[in-house]
Amino acid sequence: MNQNALDQTQAEYPTYYESFDYQEMLAQYPIGQKFTKMYQGMSKATLHEMQNERFMQVIKRAWEIPFYQRIWGNANVKPSDIKSLADIEKLPIISKSDIMDSVEKYPPIGDFHGMDNIPVEQRPPIVFHTTSGTTGTPQPLLFGPKSREIQSLLVGRSYRFMGLKPGSTIQSCYGHGMINGGHYIREAVTRYTNSMFLSAGTGVETRSVQQVNLMKTFGVNVLVGFVDYIKRLADVAKEEGLVPGKDIKIDMIIGHLGMEGRDTIAKLWGNPELFDWYGVGDTGTIAAEGPDHDGMHVWEDAHYLELLDTETNTPVKQGETGNMVVTCLYKDDVYPIIRFNTHDITQELAGENKMGLPFKRIKGFMGRSDNMVKLRGINIYPQGVGPMLDERPEFLGEFVCKAVRDAKGRDNMIVYAEVSTPIEQRDSLLEIYQELLKRKIGIAVLVELVSEGDLTAMTQVDVRQKPIRLLDERFK
């Protein structure tokens, strides 16, 4: 082979860590003590200046991408209209439907990522995943090296902020395959903590019995994942003759708690400390609970978070619930995310940040606006029904809501709940459960009490990362 032919087979293009300045990234998005040193005592004005500079860099990149050129152009927005973060409300809100529309028009991965106008020999390596596709066609998720690393770093920052002990052993119950979760958490832990990482995955990937035995064998002290499955693992441990808190000594659970009853989960695992965090596949980690356990701190150096009314898209007042609409201030490489409506509901907490940080705090995930059921003028978020039932001692934590419509066109909801009470004693509890839900929801709903495990087929808790909490049969 001559030199010319050899040169042609050795085309040059950047490797992953050659695609961005890694040390600069660590300086701009610090973790551990460097994080607290930078942000404790920082004024909100200084933080806003930082946000504004990063926002304008992201806007500059977005104007180079056909997806935003089209959407913003259709809204009659010009580059000169956006001079600072104060102009963000001039930009239209996007959502998953816009991304999927892009995929449909420009298959197979759409035109939202910004790779098409970069010569192939100059393109950075791409991390590619999809959403689970449980509600339709999977959505492509593309990450450039810089934004991928910042996303992973923010998870590591969150864990260390919570108080993750040096040299911990972490077991992850997040899924793998094409979805992002398990891969993303593995990258975060192995690169931005010094913990040993067990990438167990879901019960489909590593059987639940094997998962609890892994915990015992390797001395796992931290569990991360979706709490529905973490609760299930405690039951499996007991079935295996293992005592959580004694045979498996978990001192920290990091999950997506939302409105879940913490006491129930903690009791199942021998009373470890519980921490909540929030993010979505497109944006990565947005907020995390700290050692103060006073809401979740929004990583505002990396995200600009708006809380908007679910119907009017106007800002809500502090303390009112609204959709989380996110702008990623660090995604100026691949797939910029600007005013992305997560359709997840939360509220901003009032009062000073006890950690001395300039960041706002949110209550946490309170439900989905696109999974809401309106009954007789009342908005019901099925995700929040379980926590309402937690005050009942016999409630086992598993539930599902079914929306139904009768022959006269009247809508109703049936709440199925697993309880420990024997079948012959349940009738006396029905009125108590119905009154409890009527008081908390605001209208009467129907209740059916069932035995442990009876709802597994409906919720699919054994095979899904996020169990089904709503079955809407009104339009069948």
Protein backbone atom coordinates (compact mmCIF):
# COMPACT_ATOMS: atom_id res chain seq x y z
CA MET A 1 0.00 0.00 0.00
CA ASN A 2 1.47 3.40 -0.99
CA GLN A 3 1.53 6.43 1.32
CA ASN A 4 -1.42 8.14 -0.44
CA ALA A 5 -3.64 5.10 0.01
CA LEU A 6 -2.54 4.75 3.63
CA ASP A 7 -3.30 8.42 4.32
CA GLN A 8 -6.81 7.97 2.96
CA THR A 9 -7.47 5.15 5.45
CA GLN A 10 -6.19 7.28 8.34
CA ALA A 11 -8.63 10.18 8.14
CA GLU A 12 -8.23 12.68 10.98
CA TYR A 13 -11.10 13.65 13.29
CA PRO A 14 -11.26 14.64 16.98
CA THR A 15 -11.45 12.06 19.75
CA TYR A 16 -13.92 12.48 22.61
CA TYR A 17 -11.71 14.48 25.00
CA GLU A 18 -10.07 16.42 22.16
CA SER A 19 -13.47 17.86 21.27
CA PHE A 20 -13.61 20.32 24.19
CA ASP A 21 -11.48 21.82 26.94
CA TYR A 22 -11.95 19.44 29.88
CA GLN A 23 -10.09 21.56 32.43
CA GLU A 24 -12.09 24.64 31.48
CA MET A 25 -15.28 22.61 31.96
CA LEU A 26 -14.21 21.64 35.50
CA ALA A 27 -13.48 25.29 36.27
CA GLN A 28 -16.85 26.48 34.93
CA TYR A 29 -18.91 23.71 36.54
CA PRO A 30 -17.13 22.83 39.81
CA ILE A 31 -17.94 19.94 42.14
CA GLY A 32 -17.16 19.10 45.77
CA GLN A 33 -15.50 21.80 47.85
CA LYS A 34 -14.73 23.85 44.74
CA PHE A 35 -18.47 24.05 44.12
CA THR A 36 -19.28 25.39 47.59
CA LYS A 37 -16.30 27.77 47.48
CA MET A 38 -17.54 29.29 44.20
CA TYR A 39 -21.24 29.57 44.98
CA GLN A 40 -21.73 29.98 48.73
CA GLY A 41 -22.36 33.65 49.33
CA MET A 42 -22.61 34.53 45.63
CA SER A 43 -25.23 37.19 44.93
CA LYS A 44 -28.17 36.48 42.68
CA ALA A 45 -27.03 39.40 40.50
CA THR A 46 -23.64 37.77 39.90
CA LEU A 47 -25.34 34.46 39.14
CA HIS A 48 -27.65 36.20 36.68
CA GLU A 49 -24.68 37.73 34.86
CA MET A 50 -23.20 34.25 34.49
CA GLN A 51 -26.52 32.86 33.25
CA ASN A 52 -26.89 35.68 30.74
CA GLU A 53 -23.43 35.11 29.24
CA ARG A 54 -24.05 31.37 28.86
CA PHE A 55 -27.56 31.92 27.52
CA MET A 56 -26.33 34.18 24.73
CA GLN A 57 -23.70 31.59 23.74
CA VAL A 58 -26.41 28.93 23.49
CA ILE A 59 -28.64 31.29 21.48
CA LYS A 60 -25.79 31.95 19.05
CA ARG A 61 -25.39 28.21 18.45
CA ALA A 62 -29.14 27.63 18.11
CA TRP A 63 -29.44 30.20 15.32
CA GLU A 64 -27.10 27.99 13.26
CA ILE A 65 -29.48 25.03 13.43
CA PRO A 66 -32.38 24.53 10.96
CA PHE A 67 -34.76 23.35 13.72
CA TYR A 68 -34.56 26.63 15.61
CA GLN A 69 -34.35 28.72 12.43
CA ARG A 70 -37.68 27.20 11.41
CA ILE A 71 -39.49 27.39 14.78
CA TRP A 72 -38.26 30.85 15.69
CA GLY A 73 -38.78 32.11 12.15
CA ASN A 74 -42.38 30.89 12.20
CA ALA A 75 -42.83 32.92 15.39
CA ASN A 76 -41.37 36.00 13.65
CA VAL A 77 -38.36 36.10 15.97
CA LYS A 78 -35.14 37.57 14.55
CA PRO A 79 -31.60 37.23 15.98
CA SER A 80 -31.61 40.92 16.85
CA ASP A 81 -34.71 40.40 19.04
CA ILE A 82 -32.77 38.37 21.63
CA LYS A 83 -30.24 40.65 23.31
CA SER A 84 -30.21 39.06 26.78
CA LEU A 85 -31.90 36.54 29.06
CA ALA A 86 -34.58 39.17 29.68
CA ASP A 87 -35.83 38.48 26.14
CA ILE A 88 -36.36 34.74 26.66
CA GLU A 89 -40.16 35.03 26.71
CA LYS A 90 -40.05 36.21 23.09
CA LEU A 91 -38.98 32.68 22.10
CA PRO A 92 -41.63 30.00 21.56
CA ILE A 93 -41.77 27.03 23.91
CA ILE A 94 -40.82 23.65 22.47
CA SER A 95 -41.68 20.15 23.67
CA LYS A 96 -41.16 16.52 22.75
CA SER A 97 -43.80 16.85 20.02
CA ASP A 98 -41.59 19.40 18.20
CA ILE A 99 -38.61 17.05 18.42
CA MET A 100 -40.66 14.15 17.06
CA ASP A 101 -42.02 16.38 14.29
CA SER A 102 -38.41 17.12 13.34
CA VAL A 103 -37.66 13.38 13.27
CA GLU A 104 -40.67 12.71 11.06
CA LYS A 105 -39.76 15.44 8.58
CA TYR A 106 -36.02 14.72 8.56
CA PRO A 107 -35.56 11.03 9.36
CA PRO A 108 -33.99 9.22 11.03
CA ILE A 109 -32.71 11.66 13.69
CA GLY A 110 -34.28 15.00 12.78
CA ASP A 111 -32.61 18.38 12.25
CA PHE A 112 -32.56 19.62 15.86
CA HIS A 113 -29.04 18.51 16.73
CA GLY A 114 -26.96 20.82 14.53
CA MET A 115 -24.62 18.17 13.12
CA ASP A 116 -25.69 18.41 9.49
CA ASN A 117 -23.79 21.64 8.79
CA ILE A 118 -20.50 20.37 10.28
CA PRO A 119 -18.12 18.59 7.86
CA VAL A 120 -17.85 14.92 8.83
CA GLU A 121 -14.11 15.14 9.50
CA GLN A 122 -14.74 17.93 12.01
CA ARG A 123 -17.68 16.37 13.83
CA PRO A 124 -17.17 15.43 17.47
CA PRO A 125 -18.01 11.91 18.67
CA ILE A 126 -21.72 11.60 19.45
CA VAL A 127 -23.35 9.78 22.35
CA PHE A 128 -26.65 8.42 21.04
CA HIS A 129 -29.59 7.09 23.04
CA THR A 130 -33.35 7.06 22.73
CA THR A 131 -36.24 7.41 25.12
CA SER A 132 -37.98 4.20 26.17
CA GLY A 133 -40.75 4.58 23.58
CA THR A 134 -43.38 3.30 26.03
CA THR A 135 -45.81 5.98 24.81
CA GLY A 136 -44.95 5.77 21.11
CA THR A 137 -41.95 6.01 18.79
CA PRO A 138 -38.68 6.36 20.72
CA GLN A 139 -37.21 9.87 20.64
CA PRO A 140 -33.56 10.17 19.58
CA LEU A 141 -31.30 11.72 22.22
CA LEU A 142 -27.97 13.08 21.00
CA PHE A 143 -25.15 14.39 23.18
CA GLY A 144 -21.90 16.08 22.25
CA PRO A 145 -18.82 15.34 24.40
CA LYS A 146 -18.90 18.68 26.24
CA SER A 147 -22.59 18.66 27.14
CA ARG A 148 -22.53 14.95 27.93
CA GLU A 149 -19.70 15.44 30.40
CA ILE A 150 -21.39 18.40 32.06
CA GLN A 151 -24.56 16.35 32.45
CA SER A 152 -22.58 13.53 34.08
CA LEU A 153 -20.66 15.99 36.23
CA LEU A 154 -23.91 17.48 37.54
CA VAL A 155 -25.00 14.04 38.75
CA GLY A 156 -21.64 13.62 40.48
CA ARG A 157 -22.01 17.11 41.95
CA SER A 158 -25.47 16.19 43.23
CA TYR A 159 -24.31 12.99 44.92
CA ARG A 160 -21.34 14.69 46.57
CA PHE A 161 -23.51 17.65 47.62
CA MET A 162 -25.89 15.21 49.31
CA GLY A 163 -23.01 13.83 51.35
CA LEU A 164 -21.91 10.71 49.45
CA LYS A 165 -19.15 9.12 51.53
CA PRO A 166 -15.70 8.62 49.95
CA GLY A 167 -15.18 5.08 48.68
CA SER A 168 -18.88 4.15 48.78
CA THR A 169 -20.28 1.15 46.93
CA ILE A 170 -23.22 2.21 44.77
CA GLN A 171 -25.72 -0.13 43.14
CA SER A 172 -27.72 1.33 40.28
CA CYS A 173 -31.16 0.04 39.30
CA TYR A 174 -31.42 2.27 36.24
CA GLY A 175 -32.04 0.55 32.92
CA HIS A 176 -29.59 0.19 30.06
CA GLY A 177 -30.10 -0.78 26.45
CA MET A 178 -30.94 2.18 24.22
CA ILE A 179 -32.30 4.33 27.04
CA ASN A 180 -30.04 6.89 28.67
CA GLY A 181 -30.48 6.28 32.39
CA GLY A 182 -28.10 3.49 33.37
CA HIS A 183 -25.28 4.61 31.07
CA TYR A 184 -25.50 8.21 32.23
CA ILE A 185 -25.41 7.32 35.93
CA ARG A 186 -22.47 4.93 35.40
CA GLU A 187 -20.50 7.69 33.67
CA ALA A 188 -21.31 10.12 36.48
CA VAL A 189 -20.28 7.82 39.34
CA THR A 190 -17.14 6.41 37.76
CA ARG A 191 -15.84 9.79 36.55
CA TYR A 192 -16.96 12.23 39.25
CA THR A 193 -16.93 10.21 42.50
CA ASN A 194 -14.50 7.59 43.83
CA SER A 195 -17.23 5.03 44.51
CA MET A 196 -17.27 1.43 43.34
CA PHE A 197 -20.18 1.07 40.95
CA LEU A 198 -22.45 -1.95 40.45
CA SER A 199 -24.44 -1.43 37.26
CA ALA A 200 -27.22 -3.89 38.05
CA GLY A 201 -29.93 -2.28 35.93
CA THR A 202 -33.60 -3.24 36.07
CA GLY A 203 -35.12 -6.50 37.22
CA VAL A 204 -35.22 -7.62 33.59
CA GLU A 205 -31.46 -7.11 33.19
CA THR A 206 -30.44 -8.51 36.58
CA ARG A 207 -33.05 -10.58 38.38
CA SER A 208 -34.28 -9.03 41.60
CA VAL A 209 -33.07 -12.01 43.64
CA GLN A 210 -29.61 -11.60 42.16
CA GLN A 211 -29.69 -7.85 42.85
CA VAL A 212 -30.23 -8.25 46.58
CA ASN A 213 -27.52 -10.90 46.76
CA LEU A 214 -25.12 -8.56 44.96
CA MET A 215 -25.82 -5.94 47.63
CA LYS A 216 -24.97 -8.36 50.42
CA THR A 217 -21.91 -9.87 48.72
CA PHE A 218 -20.24 -6.59 47.78
CA GLY A 219 -21.29 -4.46 50.72
CA VAL A 220 -23.47 -1.99 48.84
CA ASN A 221 -24.23 1.04 51.01
CA VAL A 222 -25.91 3.34 48.45
CA LEU A 223 -28.91 2.51 46.24
CA VAL A 224 -29.83 4.68 43.25
CA GLY A 225 -32.79 4.30 40.92
CA PHE A 226 -36.55 4.70 40.74
CA VAL A 227 -38.02 4.25 44.20
CA ASP A 228 -40.86 1.99 43.05
CA TYR A 229 -38.35 -0.70 42.18
CA ILE A 230 -36.16 0.06 45.21
CA LYS A 231 -39.21 -0.62 47.40
CA ARG A 232 -39.78 -3.87 45.54
CA LEU A 233 -36.17 -4.96 46.20
CA ALA A 234 -36.70 -4.63 49.95
CA ASP A 235 -39.52 -7.18 49.71
CA VAL A 236 -37.34 -9.50 47.62
CA ALA A 237 -34.55 -9.26 50.20
CA LYS A 238 -36.94 -10.37 52.94
CA GLU A 239 -38.17 -13.24 50.75
CA GLU A 240 -34.52 -14.33 50.48
CA GLY A 241 -34.17 -14.29 54.24
CA LEU A 242 -32.10 -11.09 54.26
CA VAL A 243 -32.83 -8.29 56.71
CA PRO A 244 -32.43 -4.78 55.21
CA GLY A 245 -30.48 -2.68 57.66
CA LYS A 246 -28.70 -5.74 59.10
CA ASP A 247 -27.66 -8.09 56.29
CA ILE A 248 -27.72 -5.26 53.73
CA LYS A 249 -26.60 -2.01 55.34
CA ILE A 250 -27.83 0.79 53.09
CA ASP A 251 -27.07 4.25 54.49
CA MET A 252 -28.20 6.33 51.49
CA ILE A 253 -30.96 6.03 48.89
CA ILE A 254 -30.88 8.48 45.98
CA GLY A 255 -34.03 8.22 43.91
CA HIS A 256 -36.82 10.15 42.26
CA LEU A 257 -39.00 10.51 45.33
CA GLY A 258 -41.50 13.07 44.11
CA MET A 259 -44.38 13.04 46.56
CA GLU A 260 -43.62 9.50 47.80
CA GLY A 261 -43.84 8.89 51.52
CA ARG A 262 -40.25 8.81 52.73
CA ASP A 263 -40.92 7.12 56.05
CA THR A 264 -42.26 4.02 54.33
CA ILE A 265 -39.23 3.67 52.06
CA ALA A 266 -36.75 4.37 54.84
CA LYS A 267 -38.39 1.84 57.16
CA LEU A 268 -38.17 -0.86 54.46
CA TRP A 269 -34.39 -0.41 54.22
CA GLY A 270 -33.43 0.06 57.86
CA ASN A 271 -33.81 3.87 57.92
CA PRO A 272 -31.11 5.16 55.57
CA GLU A 273 -31.03 8.84 54.56
CA LEU A 274 -33.13 9.57 51.47
CA PHE A 275 -32.39 12.15 48.77
CA ASP A 276 -34.46 13.34 45.83
CA TRP A 277 -33.28 14.70 42.50
CA TYR A 278 -34.89 15.75 39.25
CA GLY A 279 -34.01 15.73 35.58
CA VAL A 280 -35.22 14.47 32.21
CA GLY A 281 -33.44 12.59 29.43
CA ASP A 282 -32.95 15.63 27.20
CA THR A 283 -31.62 18.02 29.85
CA GLY A 284 -29.87 15.86 32.42
CA THR A 285 -29.92 16.74 36.13
CA ILE A 286 -31.77 19.98 36.83
CA ALA A 287 -32.09 19.99 40.61
CA ALA A 288 -31.03 17.98 43.65
CA GLU A 289 -31.84 17.78 47.32
CA GLY A 290 -29.05 18.75 49.69
CA PRO A 291 -28.09 17.80 53.24
CA ASP A 292 -30.52 20.48 54.45
CA HIS A 293 -33.48 18.44 53.13
CA ASP A 294 -35.24 21.70 52.30
CA GLY A 295 -36.46 21.20 48.75
CA MET A 296 -34.27 20.65 45.70
CA HIS A 297 -31.59 23.15 44.70
CA VAL A 298 -31.77 24.05 41.02
CA TRP A 299 -28.34 23.99 39.34
CA GLU A 300 -28.88 27.47 37.97
CA ASP A 301 -25.33 27.79 36.66
CA ALA A 302 -26.32 25.09 34.15
CA HIS A 303 -30.08 25.61 33.74
CA TYR A 304 -32.51 28.48 33.53
CA LEU A 305 -35.79 27.18 34.93
CA GLU A 306 -39.17 28.80 34.30
CA LEU A 307 -42.36 27.69 36.04
CA LEU A 308 -45.29 28.41 33.73
CA ASP A 309 -49.04 28.01 34.00
CA THR A 310 -50.10 24.73 32.37
CA GLU A 311 -52.77 26.40 30.25
CA THR A 312 -51.54 29.95 29.54
CA ASN A 313 -47.73 29.45 29.60
CA THR A 314 -47.41 32.58 31.72
CA PRO A 315 -45.13 32.67 34.79
CA VAL A 316 -46.75 31.50 38.02
CA LYS A 317 -46.19 33.16 41.39
CA GLN A 318 -43.82 31.65 43.93
CA GLY A 319 -45.65 28.83 45.69
CA GLU A 320 -48.01 28.12 42.78
CA THR A 321 -47.62 24.99 40.67
CA GLY A 322 -46.50 25.20 37.07
CA ASN A 323 -44.82 23.32 34.24
CA MET A 324 -41.04 23.19 34.42
CA VAL A 325 -39.72 24.81 31.24
CA VAL A 326 -35.96 24.40 30.96
CA THR A 327 -33.18 26.13 29.06
CA CYS A 328 -29.82 24.34 29.26
CA LEU A 329 -27.13 27.01 29.60
CA TYR A 330 -24.28 24.64 28.75
CA LYS A 331 -25.59 22.95 25.59
CA ASP A 332 -23.88 25.07 22.96
CA ASP A 333 -22.49 22.12 21.02
CA VAL A 334 -25.04 19.43 20.06
CA TYR A 335 -28.83 19.71 20.51
CA PRO A 336 -29.24 23.07 22.26
CA ILE A 337 -32.29 23.02 24.53
CA ILE A 338 -34.10 26.34 24.85
CA ARG A 339 -37.49 26.69 26.57
CA PHE A 340 -38.17 22.94 26.62
CA ASN A 341 -41.48 22.12 28.29
CA THR A 342 -40.97 19.00 30.40
CA HIS A 343 -44.69 18.90 31.29
CA ASP A 344 -43.56 18.04 34.82
CA ILE A 345 -45.26 20.01 37.59
CA THR A 346 -43.58 21.63 40.59
CA GLN A 347 -43.53 24.82 42.65
CA GLU A 348 -40.78 27.15 43.82
CA LEU A 349 -40.15 27.22 47.56
CA ALA A 350 -40.10 30.51 49.44
CA GLY A 351 -37.52 31.54 52.01
CA GLU A 352 -33.75 31.81 52.10
CA ASN A 353 -31.47 29.09 50.85
CA LYS A 354 -30.09 27.59 54.08
CA MET A 355 -26.98 26.37 52.27
CA GLY A 356 -26.00 29.94 51.38
CA LEU A 357 -26.36 29.28 47.66
CA PRO A 358 -27.84 31.79 45.19
CA PHE A 359 -29.99 29.11 43.58
CA LYS A 360 -33.78 28.82 43.71
CA ARG A 361 -35.32 25.72 45.28
CA ILE A 362 -38.23 23.64 44.04
CA LYS A 363 -40.51 21.23 45.85
CA GLY A 364 -39.83 18.35 43.47
CA PHE A 365 -41.77 16.34 40.92
CA MET A 366 -45.49 16.72 41.67
CA GLY A 367 -47.00 15.07 38.57
CA ARG A 368 -47.32 15.56 34.84
CA SER A 369 -49.56 18.12 33.21
CA ASP A 370 -50.02 15.83 30.19
CA ASN A 371 -51.00 12.94 32.48
CA MET A 372 -53.61 14.95 34.32
CA VAL A 373 -57.23 13.86 34.61
CA LYS A 374 -59.90 16.53 35.00
CA LEU A 375 -62.93 15.26 36.87
CA ARG A 376 -65.85 17.57 37.56
CA GLY A 377 -63.64 20.65 37.36
CA ILE A 378 -60.83 19.23 39.54
CA ASN A 379 -57.34 18.53 38.19
CA ILE A 380 -56.05 15.17 39.44
CA TYR A 381 -52.42 14.13 39.03
CA PRO A 382 -52.35 10.33 39.42
CA GLN A 383 -48.71 10.35 40.54
CA GLY A 384 -49.78 12.23 43.66
CA VAL A 385 -52.50 9.79 44.75
CA GLY A 386 -50.12 7.26 46.33
CA PRO A 387 -48.61 9.78 48.75
CA MET A 388 -52.15 10.73 49.81
CA LEU A 389 -52.70 7.14 50.91
CA ASP A 390 -49.43 6.87 52.83
CA GLU A 391 -51.07 7.95 56.09
CA ARG A 392 -52.90 4.62 56.14
CA PRO A 393 -50.75 1.99 57.92
CA GLU A 394 -52.08 -0.97 55.90
CA PHE A 395 -51.35 0.69 52.51
CA LEU A 396 -48.42 -1.14 50.87
CA GLY A 397 -47.39 1.61 48.46
CA GLU A 398 -48.61 0.14 45.17
CA PHE A 399 -51.57 1.82 43.46
CA VAL A 400 -53.02 2.65 40.07
CA CYS A 401 -55.77 5.05 38.97
CA LYS A 402 -58.28 4.11 36.29
CA ALA A 403 -60.32 6.85 34.59
CA VAL A 404 -63.67 5.52 33.33
CA ARG A 405 -66.78 6.89 31.64
CA ASP A 406 -70.27 5.46 32.17
CA ALA A 407 -73.07 5.07 29.64
CA LYS A 408 -74.39 8.56 30.45
CA GLY A 409 -71.01 10.16 29.69
CA ARG A 410 -70.13 10.82 33.33
CA ASP A 411 -66.43 10.50 34.14
CA ASN A 412 -65.16 8.85 37.29
CA MET A 413 -61.96 7.45 38.71
CA ILE A 414 -61.27 4.15 40.43
CA VAL A 415 -58.22 4.05 42.71
CA TYR A 416 -56.83 0.55 43.21
CA ALA A 417 -54.56 0.17 46.25
CA GLU A 418 -52.64 -2.78 47.63
CA VAL A 419 -53.19 -3.31 51.37
CA SER A 420 -52.07 -5.81 54.00
CA THR A 421 -55.58 -6.15 55.46
CA PRO A 422 -57.24 -9.59 54.99
CA ILE A 423 -59.97 -9.71 52.35
CA GLU A 424 -62.80 -10.25 54.84
CA GLN A 425 -61.89 -7.03 56.70
CA ARG A 426 -61.51 -4.68 53.74
CA ASP A 427 -65.12 -3.57 53.35
CA SER A 428 -64.86 -1.64 56.61
CA LEU A 429 -61.87 0.29 55.21
CA LEU A 430 -63.45 1.36 51.93
CA GLU A 431 -65.33 4.31 53.41
CA ILE A 432 -62.18 5.46 55.23
CA TYR A 433 -60.18 5.43 51.99
CA GLN A 434 -62.92 7.15 50.03
CA GLU A 435 -63.26 9.90 52.63
CA LEU A 436 -59.48 10.36 52.77
CA LEU A 437 -59.21 10.82 48.99
CA LYS A 438 -62.28 13.05 48.83
CA ARG A 439 -60.72 15.31 51.47
CA LYS A 440 -57.36 15.50 49.70
CA ILE A 441 -58.48 15.57 46.06
CA GLY A 442 -61.64 17.62 46.51
CA ILE A 443 -64.14 15.24 44.89
CA ALA A 444 -65.35 11.69 45.52
CA VAL A 445 -63.64 8.80 43.72
CA LEU A 446 -64.17 5.05 43.87
CA VAL A 447 -61.72 2.78 45.71
CA GLU A 448 -60.88 -0.91 45.38
CA LEU A 449 -58.54 -2.53 47.91
CA VAL A 450 -56.51 -5.51 46.69
CA SER A 451 -53.82 -7.84 47.98
CA GLU A 452 -50.05 -7.41 47.70
CA GLY A 453 -48.87 -8.12 44.16
CA ASP A 454 -52.32 -7.95 42.58
CA LEU A 455 -51.49 -4.72 40.71
CA THR A 456 -48.17 -5.86 39.24
CA ALA A 457 -49.71 -6.68 35.86
CA MET A 458 -51.36 -3.24 35.71
CA THR A 459 -48.43 -1.14 36.96
CA GLN A 460 -45.74 -3.33 35.32
CA VAL A 461 -43.45 -2.38 38.21
CA ASP A 462 -41.27 -5.43 37.60
CA VAL A 463 -40.42 -4.55 34.00
CA ARG A 464 -40.71 -0.75 33.76
CA GLN A 465 -38.47 1.89 35.30
CA LYS A 466 -41.52 4.11 35.77
CA PRO A 467 -44.60 2.09 36.76
CA ILE A 468 -47.95 2.87 35.16
CA ARG A 469 -50.07 4.97 37.50
CA LEU A 470 -52.92 5.93 35.13
CA LEU A 471 -55.13 3.79 32.91
CA ASP A 472 -57.45 6.06 30.96
CA GLU A 473 -60.33 4.00 29.56
CA ARG A 474 -62.73 6.86 28.90
CA PHE A 475 -62.16 6.99 25.16
CA LYS A 476 -62.07 3.29 24.29
